[in-house]
Amino acid sequence: MLLELGLLVRDERGRLRQASLTVTTGPEARSQQLKKFHRTMMDHAKSSIERIPAAERDVSGLTLCLGTHGLSLVKRAIQRFRRELLELSELEQDGRQVIQVNFQLFPLTRTVRAKKSD
């Protein structure tokens, strides 16, 4: 299937190789397959807390209070950082391990209405 999708190609020796250095879906998951992929990766992230030594993983989180503008800024910062990580990966000369980096941003509360000024 990966050959048919063009994600893998065979080299001159017949070995499978990644067709492109970078494969990206863009900033948001839209298809059902991508949604399933993200759910699966989140499950792997959860289990990594027990399976993988802390020195080999990074699981952390922030809880912030933001307005609409702040939320937009945070989303753009995540998108910018994700692009930076893709660029680092493309520069990698000695890749020996595949890693997964997940970003999740979601509301924990409902939006509070602005107070009317008297």
Protein backbone atom coordinates (compact mmCIF):
# COMPACT_ATOMS: atom_id res chain seq x y z
CA MET A 1 0.00 0.00 0.00
CA LEU A 2 2.85 2.42 0.85
CA LEU A 3 4.36 1.72 -2.59
CA GLU A 4 1.01 2.41 -4.25
CA LEU A 5 0.67 5.67 -2.34
CA GLY A 6 4.16 6.69 -3.42
CA LEU A 7 5.45 6.93 0.14
CA LEU A 8 7.99 4.14 -0.44
CA VAL A 9 10.09 3.35 -3.51
CA ARG A 10 12.50 0.54 -4.35
CA ASP A 11 16.15 1.49 -4.76
CA GLU A 12 18.56 -0.01 -7.32
CA ARG A 13 19.05 -3.06 -5.05
CA GLY A 14 15.30 -3.58 -4.65
CA ARG A 15 15.21 -2.37 -1.04
CA LEU A 16 12.36 -0.23 0.17
CA ARG A 17 13.23 3.40 0.84
CA GLN A 18 11.25 6.43 1.90
CA ALA A 19 10.27 8.35 -1.24
CA SER A 20 10.51 11.80 0.31
CA LEU A 21 12.42 13.12 3.31
CA THR A 22 9.28 14.72 4.69
CA VAL A 23 5.67 13.57 4.67
CA THR A 24 3.16 15.97 6.17
CA THR A 25 -0.60 16.25 6.27
CA GLY A 26 -0.62 19.95 7.07
CA PRO A 27 -1.77 21.65 10.24
CA GLU A 28 -5.00 19.73 10.96
CA ALA A 29 -6.19 16.15 10.53
CA ARG A 30 -9.18 16.00 8.19
CA SER A 31 -9.68 12.44 6.97
CA GLN A 32 -10.93 9.52 9.05
CA GLN A 33 -7.64 7.68 8.44
CA LEU A 34 -5.62 10.61 9.80
CA LYS A 35 -7.92 10.92 12.80
CA LYS A 36 -7.40 7.21 13.50
CA PHE A 37 -3.63 7.64 13.10
CA HIS A 38 -3.60 10.49 15.63
CA ARG A 39 -5.71 8.49 18.11
CA THR A 40 -3.32 5.55 17.76
CA MET A 41 -0.28 7.78 18.31
CA MET A 42 -1.94 9.27 21.41
CA ASP A 43 -2.47 5.73 22.73
CA HIS A 44 1.24 5.01 22.12
CA ALA A 45 2.13 8.23 23.94
CA LYS A 46 0.02 7.16 26.94
CA SER A 47 1.63 3.74 27.13
CA SER A 48 5.14 5.20 26.68
CA ILE A 49 4.88 6.67 30.19
CA GLU A 50 5.17 3.13 31.56
CA ARG A 51 7.12 1.41 28.76
CA ILE A 52 9.89 3.89 27.90
CA PRO A 53 12.50 5.20 30.36
CA ALA A 54 12.16 8.94 31.04
CA ALA A 55 15.60 9.59 29.51
CA GLU A 56 14.28 8.35 26.16
CA ARG A 57 10.99 10.28 26.04
CA ASP A 58 9.48 13.65 26.89
CA VAL A 59 5.92 13.78 28.14
CA SER A 60 4.86 17.13 29.52
CA GLY A 61 1.97 19.54 29.45
CA LEU A 62 0.86 23.08 30.16
CA THR A 63 -2.47 24.40 31.34
CA LEU A 64 -2.97 28.00 30.22
CA CYS A 65 -5.71 30.63 30.44
CA LEU A 66 -5.94 32.45 27.09
CA GLY A 67 -8.27 34.62 25.08
CA THR A 68 -9.02 34.22 21.38
CA HIS A 69 -5.89 36.14 20.35
CA GLY A 70 -3.64 34.17 22.72
CA LEU A 71 -5.07 30.89 21.44
CA SER A 72 -4.31 31.94 17.88
CA LEU A 73 -0.74 32.84 18.85
CA VAL A 74 -0.18 29.49 20.58
CA LYS A 75 -1.53 27.56 17.56
CA ARG A 76 0.81 29.49 15.25
CA ALA A 77 3.76 28.85 17.59
CA ILE A 78 3.04 25.09 17.54
CA GLN A 79 2.79 25.12 13.73
CA ARG A 80 6.07 27.05 13.47
CA PHE A 81 7.83 24.66 15.88
CA ARG A 82 6.51 21.65 13.94
CA ARG A 83 8.01 23.10 10.73
CA GLU A 84 11.32 23.63 12.55
CA LEU A 85 11.34 19.97 13.62
CA LEU A 86 10.70 18.88 10.02
CA GLU A 87 13.65 21.00 8.89
CA LEU A 88 15.88 19.41 11.57
CA SER A 89 14.81 15.97 10.41
CA GLU A 90 15.69 16.80 6.79
CA LEU A 91 19.20 17.84 7.91
CA GLU A 92 19.76 14.62 9.88
CA GLN A 93 22.79 12.74 8.54
CA ASP A 94 22.73 9.72 10.85
CA GLY A 95 19.10 8.73 11.36
CA ARG A 96 18.94 5.52 13.37
CA GLN A 97 15.59 5.67 15.13
CA VAL A 98 12.05 6.70 14.20
CA ILE A 99 10.38 8.88 16.82
CA GLN A 100 6.91 10.33 17.18
CA VAL A 101 6.26 13.89 18.38
CA ASN A 102 2.67 14.77 19.25
CA PHE A 103 1.13 18.14 19.98
CA GLN A 104 -2.33 18.41 21.47
CA LEU A 105 -4.17 21.63 22.19
CA PHE A 106 -7.76 21.47 23.35
CA PRO A 107 -10.10 23.39 25.70
CA LEU A 108 -10.63 22.13 29.23
CA THR A 109 -13.40 24.64 29.97
CA ARG A 110 -16.16 26.48 28.15
CA THR A 111 -15.53 30.02 26.98
CA VAL A 112 -16.32 32.63 29.61
CA ARG A 113 -18.38 35.55 28.30
CA ALA A 114 -16.84 38.97 28.56
CA LYS A 115 -18.27 41.14 31.36
CA LYS A 116 -20.33 44.16 30.32
CA SER A 117 -18.75 47.38 31.51
CA ASP A 118 -21.05 49.68 33.51
